[in-house]
Amino acid sequence: MRVAVYYNNKDVRIEERTVPQINDDEILVKTIASGICGTDVLEWYRIKKAPLVLGHEFSGIVEKAGKNVRNFKIGDRVVVSHHVPCMKCHYCLNNYHTACETLHKTNVDPGGFSEYIRIPKINVELGTFKLPDNVPFEEGTFVEPLGTVIRAQRLANLRENQTLLVIGSGISGLMHIKLAKSRNIKKIIAVDINEYRLNAAKRFGADFVFDAKENIIDKIKKINDDRLADLVIVCTGSLSAAKQALNCVDKGGTILFFAVPKPDESFEIPINDFWRNEIKVMTSYGAAPNDLEESLGLIKNKKINVADMITHKLSFDEIQKGFDLVAEAKESLKVIVELNR
């Protein structure tokens, strides 16, 4: 079979490997579509483990099923989560599923940028979902990323009467905007430095869009009754964006870091001001099975339109072009790689 091996953002090679063998508790998935995530091109995050086969936003068809597998059969259309929690530990029982050690150790073999993928038993049981016939494989690749957005907004307790500020209008920021719009959030503001993405944010539901280089504080206050944002979601790893978020949150508000700066970058939090005004700083990482189920339901029932965020569909041979597009972050939103077509 063919796999795409990541060496760095500019060096993604199509190589040959043996199709993985499954045991009686596993399934083998024939990959049909796989999305390139923004984290796939974070070199500081990925290159330390290179070479490796990336891809965690994928859908496909069950090619083989072990004799002990009961819920899936050959020919089933599926979407699979690469990381799954144990559902039994202290963290899972207290709704911190993505802090679970099992979640951080589990994975599929070898990855979504591969023609065939072995799905281990725990992923079969807790992270594999049947893809409804009315959901194309390309749209199925959104189940995992949309699930992470659902989890973030739930943890942040986003409510209808709040003003939401999304800093960074790449694909994750746009999904936050779409989800918030579907939940009738009072006011949604998007910030970015890229005009193409700001236009997309406006198109997908943002009430106001601002260039990050402008005086964002004054602009937010002007359209928000002289108040700042109740919830600020940071969807870019830019250090300047992280610092900007600290100045854009209202009293009693929350800053949620959906994306974070590089490990060697740091910034000061004005803890005395935040203490006096009861401002919360929090993070969100990944998705749990319940988030993925909700995500699949929203896509299946057309509550969230994900198809209009796909800007590029590329063949497997064009995967390097896909990585280039996502890394450049200019005029692309969601890039999908099509396999076995």
C-alpha atoms as a PDB file:
ATOM      1  CA  MET A   1       0.000   0.000   0.000  1.00  0.00           C
ATOM      2  CA  ARG A   2       1.019   3.626  -0.361  1.00  0.00           C
ATOM      3  CA  VAL A   3       1.559   5.940   2.605  1.00  0.00           C
ATOM      4  CA  ALA A   4       2.568   9.598   2.855  1.00  0.00           C
ATOM      5  CA  VAL A   5       5.537   9.946   5.192  1.00  0.00           C
ATOM      6  CA  TYR A   6       6.125  13.315   6.843  1.00  0.00           C
ATOM      7  CA  TYR A   7       9.751  14.413   7.200  1.00  0.00           C
ATOM      8  CA  ASN A   8       8.984  18.126   7.413  1.00  0.00           C
ATOM      9  CA  ASN A   9       6.439  20.525   5.923  1.00  0.00           C
ATOM     10  CA  LYS A  10       8.338  20.694   2.640  1.00  0.00           C
ATOM     11  CA  ASP A  11       9.154  16.993   2.475  1.00  0.00           C
ATOM     12  CA  VAL A  12       6.154  14.659   2.473  1.00  0.00           C
ATOM     13  CA  ARG A  13       6.977  11.503   0.510  1.00  0.00           C
ATOM     14  CA  ILE A  14       4.748   8.799  -0.949  1.00  0.00           C
ATOM     15  CA  GLU A  15       6.292   5.480   0.080  1.00  0.00           C
ATOM     16  CA  GLU A  16       5.360   1.805  -0.049  1.00  0.00           C
ATOM     17  CA  ARG A  17       4.557  -0.255   3.041  1.00  0.00           C
ATOM     18  CA  THR A  18       2.949  -3.578   3.800  1.00  0.00           C
ATOM     19  CA  VAL A  19      -0.766  -3.507   4.524  1.00  0.00           C
ATOM     20  CA  PRO A  20      -1.188  -3.887   8.324  1.00  0.00           C
ATOM     21  CA  GLN A  21      -2.398  -7.252   9.612  1.00  0.00           C
ATOM     22  CA  ILE A  22      -5.332  -7.195  12.032  1.00  0.00           C
ATOM     23  CA  ASN A  23      -6.152  -9.515  14.924  1.00  0.00           C
ATOM     24  CA  ASP A  24      -9.575 -10.872  15.901  1.00  0.00           C
ATOM     25  CA  ASP A  25     -10.562  -7.689  17.757  1.00  0.00           C
ATOM     26  CA  GLU A  26      -9.527  -5.163  15.115  1.00  0.00           C
ATOM     27  CA  ILE A  27     -10.697  -3.789  11.789  1.00  0.00           C
ATOM     28  CA  LEU A  28      -8.862  -2.680   8.668  1.00  0.00           C
ATOM     29  CA  VAL A  29     -10.168   0.505   7.067  1.00  0.00           C
ATOM     30  CA  LYS A  30      -9.696   1.425   3.431  1.00  0.00           C
ATOM     31  CA  THR A  31      -9.144   5.183   3.544  1.00  0.00           C
ATOM     32  CA  ILE A  32     -11.257   7.309   1.216  1.00  0.00           C
ATOM     33  CA  ALA A  33     -10.769  10.867   2.473  1.00  0.00           C
ATOM     34  CA  SER A  34      -8.370  12.484   4.933  1.00  0.00           C
ATOM     35  CA  GLY A  35      -8.188  16.114   6.012  1.00  0.00           C
ATOM     36  CA  ILE A  36      -4.972  18.020   6.617  1.00  0.00           C
ATOM     37  CA  CYS A  37      -5.206  19.599  10.057  1.00  0.00           C
ATOM     38  CA  GLY A  38      -3.445  22.797  11.047  1.00  0.00           C
ATOM     39  CA  THR A  39      -1.558  20.787  13.671  1.00  0.00           C
ATOM     40  CA  ASP A  40      -0.147  18.580  10.910  1.00  0.00           C
ATOM     41  CA  VAL A  41       1.957  21.535   9.736  1.00  0.00           C
ATOM     42  CA  LEU A  42       3.120  22.696  13.182  1.00  0.00           C
ATOM     43  CA  GLU A  43       6.752  21.736  12.695  1.00  0.00           C
ATOM     44  CA  TRP A  44       7.742  22.387  16.297  1.00  0.00           C
ATOM     45  CA  TYR A  45       5.057  19.890  17.293  1.00  0.00           C
ATOM     46  CA  ARG A  46       5.591  17.266  14.587  1.00  0.00           C
ATOM     47  CA  ILE A  47       9.194  17.241  13.475  1.00  0.00           C
ATOM     48  CA  LYS A  48      10.581  15.788  16.719  1.00  0.00           C
ATOM     49  CA  LYS A  49       8.810  12.505  15.865  1.00  0.00           C
ATOM     50  CA  ALA A  50       9.529  12.536  12.125  1.00  0.00           C
ATOM     51  CA  PRO A  51       9.520  10.550   9.946  1.00  0.00           C
ATOM     52  CA  LEU A  52       5.922   9.510  10.589  1.00  0.00           C
ATOM     53  CA  VAL A  53       2.579   9.009   8.885  1.00  0.00           C
ATOM     54  CA  LEU A  54       0.195  11.761   9.937  1.00  0.00           C
ATOM     55  CA  GLY A  55      -3.538  12.134   9.373  1.00  0.00           C
ATOM     56  CA  HIS A  56      -6.196  12.009  12.084  1.00  0.00           C
ATOM     57  CA  GLU A  57      -9.236  13.373  10.235  1.00  0.00           C
ATOM     58  CA  PHE A  58     -10.206  10.459   8.033  1.00  0.00           C
ATOM     59  CA  SER A  59     -13.117   8.375   6.819  1.00  0.00           C
ATOM     60  CA  GLY A  60     -13.300   5.179   4.836  1.00  0.00           C
ATOM     61  CA  ILE A  61     -14.747   1.709   4.371  1.00  0.00           C
ATOM     62  CA  VAL A  62     -14.239  -1.387   6.524  1.00  0.00           C
ATOM     63  CA  GLU A  63     -12.049  -3.696   4.407  1.00  0.00           C
ATOM     64  CA  LYS A  64     -11.633  -6.468   6.993  1.00  0.00           C
ATOM     65  CA  ALA A  65     -13.150  -7.195  10.413  1.00  0.00           C
ATOM     66  CA  GLY A  66     -11.821  -9.551  13.073  1.00  0.00           C
ATOM     67  CA  LYS A  67     -14.072 -12.431  14.105  1.00  0.00           C
ATOM     68  CA  ASN A  68     -14.716 -10.886  17.540  1.00  0.00           C
ATOM     69  CA  VAL A  69     -15.870  -7.545  16.126  1.00  0.00           C
ATOM     70  CA  ARG A  70     -19.642  -7.261  16.496  1.00  0.00           C
ATOM     71  CA  ASN A  71     -20.547  -3.663  15.669  1.00  0.00           C
ATOM     72  CA  PHE A  72     -18.871  -3.352  12.272  1.00  0.00           C
ATOM     73  CA  LYS A  73     -18.746  -5.473   9.138  1.00  0.00           C
ATOM     74  CA  ILE A  74     -17.001  -5.411   5.786  1.00  0.00           C
ATOM     75  CA  GLY A  75     -18.390  -2.599   3.628  1.00  0.00           C
ATOM     76  CA  ASP A  76     -19.464  -0.309   6.471  1.00  0.00           C
ATOM     77  CA  ARG A  77     -18.734   3.367   5.913  1.00  0.00           C
ATOM     78  CA  VAL A  78     -16.928   4.682   9.006  1.00  0.00           C
ATOM     79  CA  VAL A  79     -15.189   7.617  10.571  1.00  0.00           C
ATOM     80  CA  VAL A  80     -12.527   6.899  13.190  1.00  0.00           C
ATOM     81  CA  SER A  81     -10.937   8.821  16.051  1.00  0.00           C
ATOM     82  CA  HIS A  82      -7.206   8.243  16.418  1.00  0.00           C
ATOM     83  CA  HIS A  83      -7.129   9.013  20.168  1.00  0.00           C
ATOM     84  CA  VAL A  84      -9.612   7.526  22.629  1.00  0.00           C
ATOM     85  CA  PRO A  85      -9.873   7.748  26.434  1.00  0.00           C
ATOM     86  CA  CYS A  86     -10.241   4.740  28.722  1.00  0.00           C
ATOM     87  CA  MET A  87     -13.553   6.019  30.195  1.00  0.00           C
ATOM     88  CA  LYS A  88     -12.571   4.512  33.563  1.00  0.00           C
ATOM     89  CA  CYS A  89      -9.811   6.609  35.137  1.00  0.00           C
ATOM     90  CA  HIS A  90     -10.097   9.572  37.502  1.00  0.00           C
ATOM     91  CA  TYR A  91      -9.885  12.062  34.627  1.00  0.00           C
ATOM     92  CA  CYS A  92     -12.498  10.378  32.452  1.00  0.00           C
ATOM     93  CA  LEU A  93     -14.913  10.007  35.368  1.00  0.00           C
ATOM     94  CA  ASN A  94     -14.534  13.720  36.059  1.00  0.00           C
ATOM     95  CA  ASN A  95     -15.086  14.783  32.428  1.00  0.00           C
ATOM     96  CA  TYR A  96     -11.434  15.487  31.674  1.00  0.00           C
ATOM     97  CA  HIS A  97     -11.292  12.806  28.983  1.00  0.00           C
ATOM     98  CA  THR A  98      -8.544  14.449  26.991  1.00  0.00           C
ATOM     99  CA  ALA A  99      -6.245  14.429  30.028  1.00  0.00           C
ATOM    100  CA  CYS A 100      -6.545  10.631  30.146  1.00  0.00           C
ATOM    101  CA  GLU A 101      -3.204   8.857  29.730  1.00  0.00           C
ATOM    102  CA  THR A 102      -4.843   6.238  27.501  1.00  0.00           C
ATOM    103  CA  LEU A 103      -6.016   8.947  25.097  1.00  0.00           C
ATOM    104  CA  HIS A 104      -2.458  10.225  24.717  1.00  0.00           C
ATOM    105  CA  LYS A 105      -1.069   6.738  24.098  1.00  0.00           C
ATOM    106  CA  THR A 106      -3.662   5.352  21.679  1.00  0.00           C
ATOM    107  CA  ASN A 107      -3.435   5.740  17.922  1.00  0.00           C
ATOM    108  CA  VAL A 108      -4.265   4.040  14.663  1.00  0.00           C
ATOM    109  CA  ASP A 109      -1.726   2.254  12.459  1.00  0.00           C
ATOM    110  CA  PRO A 110      -0.145   3.959  10.601  1.00  0.00           C
ATOM    111  CA  GLY A 111      -2.252   7.146  10.129  1.00  0.00           C
ATOM    112  CA  GLY A 112      -4.876   8.789   7.956  1.00  0.00           C
ATOM    113  CA  PHE A 113      -2.482   9.517   5.091  1.00  0.00           C
ATOM    114  CA  SER A 114      -2.333   5.848   4.227  1.00  0.00           C
ATOM    115  CA  GLU A 115      -4.369   3.704   1.850  1.00  0.00           C
ATOM    116  CA  TYR A 116      -5.209   1.219   4.628  1.00  0.00           C
ATOM    117  CA  ILE A 117      -5.336   1.705   8.396  1.00  0.00           C
ATOM    118  CA  ARG A 118      -5.417  -0.822  11.225  1.00  0.00           C
ATOM    119  CA  ILE A 119      -7.836   0.184  13.965  1.00  0.00           C
ATOM    120  CA  PRO A 120      -6.921  -1.279  17.391  1.00  0.00           C
ATOM    121  CA  LYS A 121      -9.577  -2.819  19.632  1.00  0.00           C
ATOM    122  CA  ILE A 122     -10.031   0.182  21.931  1.00  0.00           C
ATOM    123  CA  ASN A 123     -10.435   2.515  18.943  1.00  0.00           C
ATOM    124  CA  VAL A 124     -12.944   0.114  17.394  1.00  0.00           C
ATOM    125  CA  GLU A 125     -14.987   0.093  20.595  1.00  0.00           C
ATOM    126  CA  LEU A 126     -14.786   3.764  21.595  1.00  0.00           C
ATOM    127  CA  GLY A 127     -13.660   5.742  18.566  1.00  0.00           C
ATOM    128  CA  THR A 128     -15.265   4.257  15.457  1.00  0.00           C
ATOM    129  CA  PHE A 129     -18.621   5.503  14.179  1.00  0.00           C
ATOM    130  CA  LYS A 130     -20.743   4.464  11.227  1.00  0.00           C
ATOM    131  CA  LEU A 131     -20.936   7.206   8.640  1.00  0.00           C
ATOM    132  CA  PRO A 132     -24.545   7.736   7.488  1.00  0.00           C
ATOM    133  CA  ASP A 133     -25.216   7.325   3.781  1.00  0.00           C
ATOM    134  CA  ASN A 134     -26.195  11.003   3.482  1.00  0.00           C
ATOM    135  CA  VAL A 135     -22.769  12.155   4.684  1.00  0.00           C
ATOM    136  CA  PRO A 136     -20.065  12.114   1.965  1.00  0.00           C
ATOM    137  CA  PHE A 137     -16.650  10.810   2.994  1.00  0.00           C
ATOM    138  CA  GLU A 138     -15.181  14.323   2.634  1.00  0.00           C
ATOM    139  CA  GLU A 139     -17.678  15.697   5.136  1.00  0.00           C
ATOM    140  CA  GLY A 140     -16.965  12.784   7.444  1.00  0.00           C
ATOM    141  CA  THR A 141     -13.425  14.086   7.882  1.00  0.00           C
ATOM    142  CA  PHE A 142     -14.912  16.989   9.868  1.00  0.00           C
ATOM    143  CA  VAL A 143     -16.302  14.790  12.648  1.00  0.00           C
ATOM    144  CA  GLU A 144     -13.080  14.885  14.670  1.00  0.00           C
ATOM    145  CA  PRO A 145     -12.219  18.595  14.269  1.00  0.00           C
ATOM    146  CA  LEU A 146     -15.798  19.713  14.837  1.00  0.00           C
ATOM    147  CA  GLY A 147     -15.882  17.477  17.918  1.00  0.00           C
ATOM    148  CA  THR A 148     -12.935  19.396  19.378  1.00  0.00           C
ATOM    149  CA  VAL A 149     -14.812  22.664  18.796  1.00  0.00           C
ATOM    150  CA  ILE A 150     -17.943  21.289  20.471  1.00  0.00           C
ATOM    151  CA  ARG A 151     -15.903  20.270  23.489  1.00  0.00           C
ATOM    152  CA  ALA A 152     -14.222  23.660  23.762  1.00  0.00           C
ATOM    153  CA  GLN A 153     -17.449  25.643  23.705  1.00  0.00           C
ATOM    154  CA  ARG A 154     -19.053  23.285  26.207  1.00  0.00           C
ATOM    155  CA  LEU A 155     -16.137  23.571  28.626  1.00  0.00           C
ATOM    156  CA  ALA A 156     -16.176  27.361  28.257  1.00  0.00           C
ATOM    157  CA  ASN A 157     -19.925  27.375  28.972  1.00  0.00           C
ATOM    158  CA  LEU A 158     -20.733  29.617  25.999  1.00  0.00           C
ATOM    159  CA  ARG A 159     -24.266  30.998  26.352  1.00  0.00           C
ATOM    160  CA  GLU A 160     -26.744  32.759  24.044  1.00  0.00           C
ATOM    161  CA  ASN A 161     -26.543  36.165  25.710  1.00  0.00           C
ATOM    162  CA  GLN A 162     -22.759  36.398  25.414  1.00  0.00           C
ATOM    163  CA  THR A 163     -20.429  38.162  23.023  1.00  0.00           C
ATOM    164  CA  LEU A 164     -17.907  35.796  21.473  1.00  0.00           C
ATOM    165  CA  LEU A 165     -14.551  36.907  20.072  1.00  0.00           C
ATOM    166  CA  VAL A 166     -12.673  34.407  17.888  1.00  0.00           C
ATOM    167  CA  ILE A 167      -9.035  35.324  17.286  1.00  0.00           C
ATOM    168  CA  GLY A 168      -7.789  33.473  14.219  1.00  0.00           C
ATOM    169  CA  SER A 169     -10.144  32.697  11.335  1.00  0.00           C
ATOM    170  CA  GLY A 170      -8.535  29.592   9.966  1.00  0.00           C
ATOM    171  CA  ILE A 171     -10.576  26.400   9.754  1.00  0.00           C
ATOM    172  CA  SER A 172     -10.837  25.926  13.539  1.00  0.00           C
ATOM    173  CA  GLY A 173     -11.891  29.535  14.072  1.00  0.00           C
ATOM    174  CA  LEU A 174     -14.481  29.216  11.312  1.00  0.00           C
ATOM    175  CA  MET A 175     -15.917  26.071  12.893  1.00  0.00           C
ATOM    176  CA  HIS A 176     -16.187  27.932  16.199  1.00  0.00           C
ATOM    177  CA  ILE A 177     -18.063  30.692  14.379  1.00  0.00           C
ATOM    178  CA  LYS A 178     -20.395  28.251  12.624  1.00  0.00           C
ATOM    179  CA  LEU A 179     -21.167  26.343  15.808  1.00  0.00           C
ATOM    180  CA  ALA A 180     -21.773  29.539  17.785  1.00  0.00           C
ATOM    181  CA  LYS A 181     -24.051  30.861  15.031  1.00  0.00           C
ATOM    182  CA  SER A 182     -26.094  27.660  15.114  1.00  0.00           C
ATOM    183  CA  ARG A 183     -26.568  28.199  18.850  1.00  0.00           C
ATOM    184  CA  ASN A 184     -27.845  31.759  18.444  1.00  0.00           C
ATOM    185  CA  ILE A 185     -24.972  33.430  20.255  1.00  0.00           C
ATOM    186  CA  LYS A 186     -25.766  37.126  20.711  1.00  0.00           C
ATOM    187  CA  LYS A 187     -22.751  38.615  18.981  1.00  0.00           C
ATOM    188  CA  ILE A 188     -19.849  36.941  17.163  1.00  0.00           C
ATOM    189  CA  ILE A 189     -16.658  38.862  16.341  1.00  0.00           C
ATOM    190  CA  ALA A 190     -13.816  37.452  14.235  1.00  0.00           C
ATOM    191  CA  VAL A 191     -10.235  38.712  14.089  1.00  0.00           C
ATOM    192  CA  ASP A 192      -7.444  37.771  11.690  1.00  0.00           C
ATOM    193  CA  ILE A 193      -4.670  39.339   9.612  1.00  0.00           C
ATOM    194  CA  ASN A 194      -5.776  37.603   6.405  1.00  0.00           C
ATOM    195  CA  GLU A 195      -8.500  39.317   4.355  1.00  0.00           C
ATOM    196  CA  TYR A 196      -9.468  36.049   2.644  1.00  0.00           C
ATOM    197  CA  ARG A 197     -10.175  34.430   5.996  1.00  0.00           C
ATOM    198  CA  LEU A 198     -11.972  37.473   7.372  1.00  0.00           C
ATOM    199  CA  ASN A 199     -14.291  37.339   4.370  1.00  0.00           C
ATOM    200  CA  ALA A 200     -14.890  33.657   5.094  1.00  0.00           C
ATOM    201  CA  ALA A 201     -15.646  34.457   8.740  1.00  0.00           C
ATOM    202  CA  LYS A 202     -18.244  37.013   7.664  1.00  0.00           C
ATOM    203  CA  ARG A 203     -19.738  34.536   5.207  1.00  0.00           C
ATOM    204  CA  PHE A 204     -19.976  31.792   7.822  1.00  0.00           C
ATOM    205  CA  GLY A 205     -21.707  33.803  10.521  1.00  0.00           C
ATOM    206  CA  ALA A 206     -19.499  36.409  12.170  1.00  0.00           C
ATOM    207  CA  ASP A 207     -21.436  39.609  12.883  1.00  0.00           C
ATOM    208  CA  PHE A 208     -18.263  41.710  12.783  1.00  0.00           C
ATOM    209  CA  VAL A 209     -14.785  41.069  11.389  1.00  0.00           C
ATOM    210  CA  PHE A 210     -11.674  43.079  12.236  1.00  0.00           C
ATOM    211  CA  ASP A 211      -8.084  43.103  11.067  1.00  0.00           C
ATOM    212  CA  ALA A 212      -5.873  42.141  14.011  1.00  0.00           C
ATOM    213  CA  LYS A 213      -3.603  45.112  13.286  1.00  0.00           C
ATOM    214  CA  GLU A 214      -6.406  47.560  14.062  1.00  0.00           C
ATOM    215  CA  ASN A 215      -7.333  48.867  17.529  1.00  0.00           C
ATOM    216  CA  ILE A 216      -9.432  45.845  18.416  1.00  0.00           C
ATOM    217  CA  ILE A 217     -10.283  46.990  21.929  1.00  0.00           C
ATOM    218  CA  ASP A 218     -11.916  50.204  20.742  1.00  0.00           C
ATOM    219  CA  LYS A 219     -13.730  48.446  17.928  1.00  0.00           C
ATOM    220  CA  ILE A 220     -15.176  45.775  20.229  1.00  0.00           C
ATOM    221  CA  LYS A 221     -16.347  48.350  22.757  1.00  0.00           C
ATOM    222  CA  LYS A 222     -17.934  50.449  20.020  1.00  0.00           C
ATOM    223  CA  ILE A 223     -20.196  47.620  18.843  1.00  0.00           C
ATOM    224  CA  ASN A 224     -20.698  45.988  22.254  1.00  0.00           C
ATOM    225  CA  ASP A 225     -22.148  48.671  24.563  1.00  0.00           C
ATOM    226  CA  ASP A 226     -18.692  49.764  25.735  1.00  0.00           C
ATOM    227  CA  ARG A 227     -17.877  46.222  26.921  1.00  0.00           C
ATOM    228  CA  LEU A 228     -15.271  43.721  25.817  1.00  0.00           C
ATOM    229  CA  ALA A 229     -15.942  40.073  24.925  1.00  0.00           C
ATOM    230  CA  ASP A 230     -17.471  37.603  27.367  1.00  0.00           C
ATOM    231  CA  LEU A 231     -15.586  34.719  25.793  1.00  0.00           C
ATOM    232  CA  VAL A 232     -12.374  34.968  23.778  1.00  0.00           C
ATOM    233  CA  ILE A 233     -11.341  31.822  21.893  1.00  0.00           C
ATOM    234  CA  VAL A 234      -7.767  31.860  20.585  1.00  0.00           C
ATOM    235  CA  CYS A 235      -7.495  29.768  17.408  1.00  0.00           C
ATOM    236  CA  THR A 236      -3.979  30.641  16.334  1.00  0.00           C
ATOM    237  CA  GLY A 237      -0.592  29.848  17.832  1.00  0.00           C
ATOM    238  CA  SER A 238       0.616  33.408  17.256  1.00  0.00           C
ATOM    239  CA  LEU A 239       2.201  34.886  20.380  1.00  0.00           C
ATOM    240  CA  SER A 240       0.840  38.324  19.511  1.00  0.00           C
ATOM    241  CA  ALA A 241      -2.663  36.836  19.305  1.00  0.00           C
ATOM    242  CA  ALA A 242      -2.269  35.282  22.745  1.00  0.00           C
ATOM    243  CA  LYS A 243      -1.235  38.639  24.181  1.00  0.00           C
ATOM    244  CA  GLN A 244      -4.065  40.389  22.353  1.00  0.00           C
ATOM    245  CA  ALA A 245      -6.594  38.017  23.909  1.00  0.00           C
ATOM    246  CA  LEU A 246      -5.607  39.159  27.399  1.00  0.00           C
ATOM    247  CA  ASN A 247      -6.728  42.700  26.579  1.00  0.00           C
ATOM    248  CA  CYS A 248      -9.997  41.796  24.884  1.00  0.00           C
ATOM    249  CA  VAL A 249     -11.849  39.938  27.631  1.00  0.00           C
ATOM    250  CA  ASP A 250     -14.544  41.591  29.717  1.00  0.00           C
ATOM    251  CA  LYS A 251     -14.956  41.483  33.487  1.00  0.00           C
ATOM    252  CA  GLY A 252     -16.221  38.078  34.517  1.00  0.00           C
ATOM    253  CA  GLY A 253     -15.195  36.732  31.123  1.00  0.00           C
ATOM    254  CA  THR A 254     -13.196  33.761  29.915  1.00  0.00           C
ATOM    255  CA  ILE A 255     -10.207  33.288  27.619  1.00  0.00           C
ATOM    256  CA  LEU A 256      -9.975  29.835  26.079  1.00  0.00           C
ATOM    257  CA  PHE A 257      -6.769  28.793  24.339  1.00  0.00           C
ATOM    258  CA  PHE A 258      -7.818  26.412  21.579  1.00  0.00           C
ATOM    259  CA  ALA A 259      -4.374  26.906  20.060  1.00  0.00           C
ATOM    260  CA  VAL A 260      -1.202  27.840  21.933  1.00  0.00           C
ATOM    261  CA  PRO A 261       2.156  29.527  21.198  1.00  0.00           C
ATOM    262  CA  LYS A 262       5.352  27.524  20.764  1.00  0.00           C
ATOM    263  CA  PRO A 263       6.805  25.871  23.906  1.00  0.00           C
ATOM    264  CA  ASP A 264       9.725  28.306  24.049  1.00  0.00           C
ATOM    265  CA  GLU A 265       7.439  31.353  23.880  1.00  0.00           C
ATOM    266  CA  SER A 266       5.920  32.865  27.000  1.00  0.00           C
ATOM    267  CA  PHE A 267       3.824  35.846  28.019  1.00  0.00           C
ATOM    268  CA  GLU A 268       2.680  37.444  31.243  1.00  0.00           C
ATOM    269  CA  ILE A 269      -0.883  37.222  32.499  1.00  0.00           C
ATOM    270  CA  PRO A 270      -2.048  40.304  34.462  1.00  0.00           C
ATOM    271  CA  ILE A 271      -3.156  38.092  37.313  1.00  0.00           C
ATOM    272  CA  ASN A 272      -4.014  40.949  39.696  1.00  0.00           C
ATOM    273  CA  ASP A 273      -6.423  42.498  37.207  1.00  0.00           C
ATOM    274  CA  PHE A 274      -7.867  39.082  36.367  1.00  0.00           C
ATOM    275  CA  TRP A 275      -8.241  38.305  40.078  1.00  0.00           C
ATOM    276  CA  ARG A 276     -10.130  41.542  40.773  1.00  0.00           C
ATOM    277  CA  ASN A 277     -12.417  41.006  37.786  1.00  0.00           C
ATOM    278  CA  GLU A 278     -12.886  37.229  38.092  1.00  0.00           C
ATOM    279  CA  ILE A 279     -11.508  36.500  34.633  1.00  0.00           C
ATOM    280  CA  LYS A 280     -10.854  32.856  33.788  1.00  0.00           C
ATOM    281  CA  VAL A 281      -8.047  31.538  31.563  1.00  0.00           C
ATOM    282  CA  MET A 282      -8.506  27.976  30.317  1.00  0.00           C
ATOM    283  CA  THR A 283      -7.559  25.522  27.591  1.00  0.00           C
ATOM    284  CA  SER A 284      -9.228  22.827  25.548  1.00  0.00           C
ATOM    285  CA  TYR A 285      -7.602  19.900  23.786  1.00  0.00           C
ATOM    286  CA  GLY A 286      -9.061  17.190  21.569  1.00  0.00           C
ATOM    287  CA  ALA A 287     -12.443  15.505  21.796  1.00  0.00           C
ATOM    288  CA  ALA A 288     -14.078  12.666  23.702  1.00  0.00           C
ATOM    289  CA  PRO A 289     -16.502  10.050  22.306  1.00  0.00           C
ATOM    290  CA  ASN A 290     -19.576  12.062  23.339  1.00  0.00           C
ATOM    291  CA  ASP A 291     -18.222  15.124  21.518  1.00  0.00           C
ATOM    292  CA  LEU A 292     -17.667  13.057  18.371  1.00  0.00           C
ATOM    293  CA  GLU A 293     -21.175  11.609  18.533  1.00  0.00           C
ATOM    294  CA  GLU A 294     -22.620  15.103  18.818  1.00  0.00           C
ATOM    295  CA  SER A 295     -20.442  16.285  15.949  1.00  0.00           C
ATOM    296  CA  LEU A 296     -21.580  13.444  13.696  1.00  0.00           C
ATOM    297  CA  GLY A 297     -25.191  14.214  14.567  1.00  0.00           C
ATOM    298  CA  LEU A 298     -24.829  17.892  13.648  1.00  0.00           C
ATOM    299  CA  ILE A 299     -23.269  17.000  10.303  1.00  0.00           C
ATOM    300  CA  LYS A 300     -25.768  14.220   9.575  1.00  0.00           C
ATOM    301  CA  ASN A 301     -28.761  16.425  10.344  1.00  0.00           C
ATOM    302  CA  LYS A 302     -27.329  19.369   8.380  1.00  0.00           C
ATOM    303  CA  LYS A 303     -27.232  21.574  11.479  1.00  0.00           C
ATOM    304  CA  ILE A 304     -23.675  22.537  10.552  1.00  0.00           C
ATOM    305  CA  ASN A 305     -22.710  22.839   6.899  1.00  0.00           C
ATOM    306  CA  VAL A 306     -19.118  21.674   6.595  1.00  0.00           C
ATOM    307  CA  ALA A 307     -19.030  21.162   2.823  1.00  0.00           C
ATOM    308  CA  ASP A 308     -18.714  24.881   2.097  1.00  0.00           C
ATOM    309  CA  MET A 309     -15.481  25.053   4.098  1.00  0.00           C
ATOM    310  CA  ILE A 310     -13.703  22.635   1.751  1.00  0.00           C
ATOM    311  CA  THR A 311     -11.586  24.700  -0.629  1.00  0.00           C
ATOM    312  CA  HIS A 312      -9.345  21.978  -2.060  1.00  0.00           C
ATOM    313  CA  LYS A 313      -9.780  18.289  -2.878  1.00  0.00           C
ATOM    314  CA  LEU A 314      -6.472  16.748  -3.913  1.00  0.00           C
ATOM    315  CA  SER A 315      -5.352  13.336  -5.072  1.00  0.00           C
ATOM    316  CA  PHE A 316      -3.010  11.327  -2.875  1.00  0.00           C
ATOM    317  CA  ASP A 317      -0.154  12.151  -5.253  1.00  0.00           C
ATOM    318  CA  GLU A 318      -0.779  15.854  -4.601  1.00  0.00           C
ATOM    319  CA  ILE A 319      -0.440  15.640  -0.822  1.00  0.00           C
ATOM    320  CA  GLN A 320       2.712  17.786  -0.781  1.00  0.00           C
ATOM    321  CA  LYS A 321       0.701  20.552  -2.434  1.00  0.00           C
ATOM    322  CA  GLY A 322      -1.870  20.119   0.332  1.00  0.00           C
ATOM    323  CA  PHE A 323       0.738  20.553   3.051  1.00  0.00           C
ATOM    324  CA  ASP A 324       2.067  23.625   1.244  1.00  0.00           C
ATOM    325  CA  LEU A 325      -1.418  25.167   1.116  1.00  0.00           C
ATOM    326  CA  VAL A 326      -2.128  24.564   4.798  1.00  0.00           C
ATOM    327  CA  ALA A 327       1.320  25.745   5.918  1.00  0.00           C
ATOM    328  CA  GLU A 328       1.072  28.938   3.842  1.00  0.00           C
ATOM    329  CA  ALA A 329      -2.348  29.718   5.373  1.00  0.00           C
ATOM    330  CA  LYS A 330      -3.271  32.135   2.604  1.00  0.00           C
ATOM    331  CA  GLU A 331      -6.188  31.286   0.345  1.00  0.00           C
ATOM    332  CA  SER A 332      -7.266  27.895   1.589  1.00  0.00           C
ATOM    333  CA  LEU A 333      -9.562  26.698   4.339  1.00  0.00           C
ATOM    334  CA  LYS A 334     -10.035  22.927   4.458  1.00  0.00           C
ATOM    335  CA  VAL A 335      -7.787  20.770   2.304  1.00  0.00           C
ATOM    336  CA  ILE A 336      -8.957  17.189   1.747  1.00  0.00           C
ATOM    337  CA  VAL A 337      -6.773  14.403   0.362  1.00  0.00           C
ATOM    338  CA  GLU A 338      -8.680  11.715  -1.545  1.00  0.00           C
ATOM    339  CA  LEU A 339      -7.362   8.148  -1.470  1.00  0.00           C
ATOM    340  CA  ASN A 340      -8.433   4.910  -3.166  1.00  0.00           C
ATOM    341  CA  ARG A 341     -10.535   6.808  -5.699  1.00  0.00           C
END
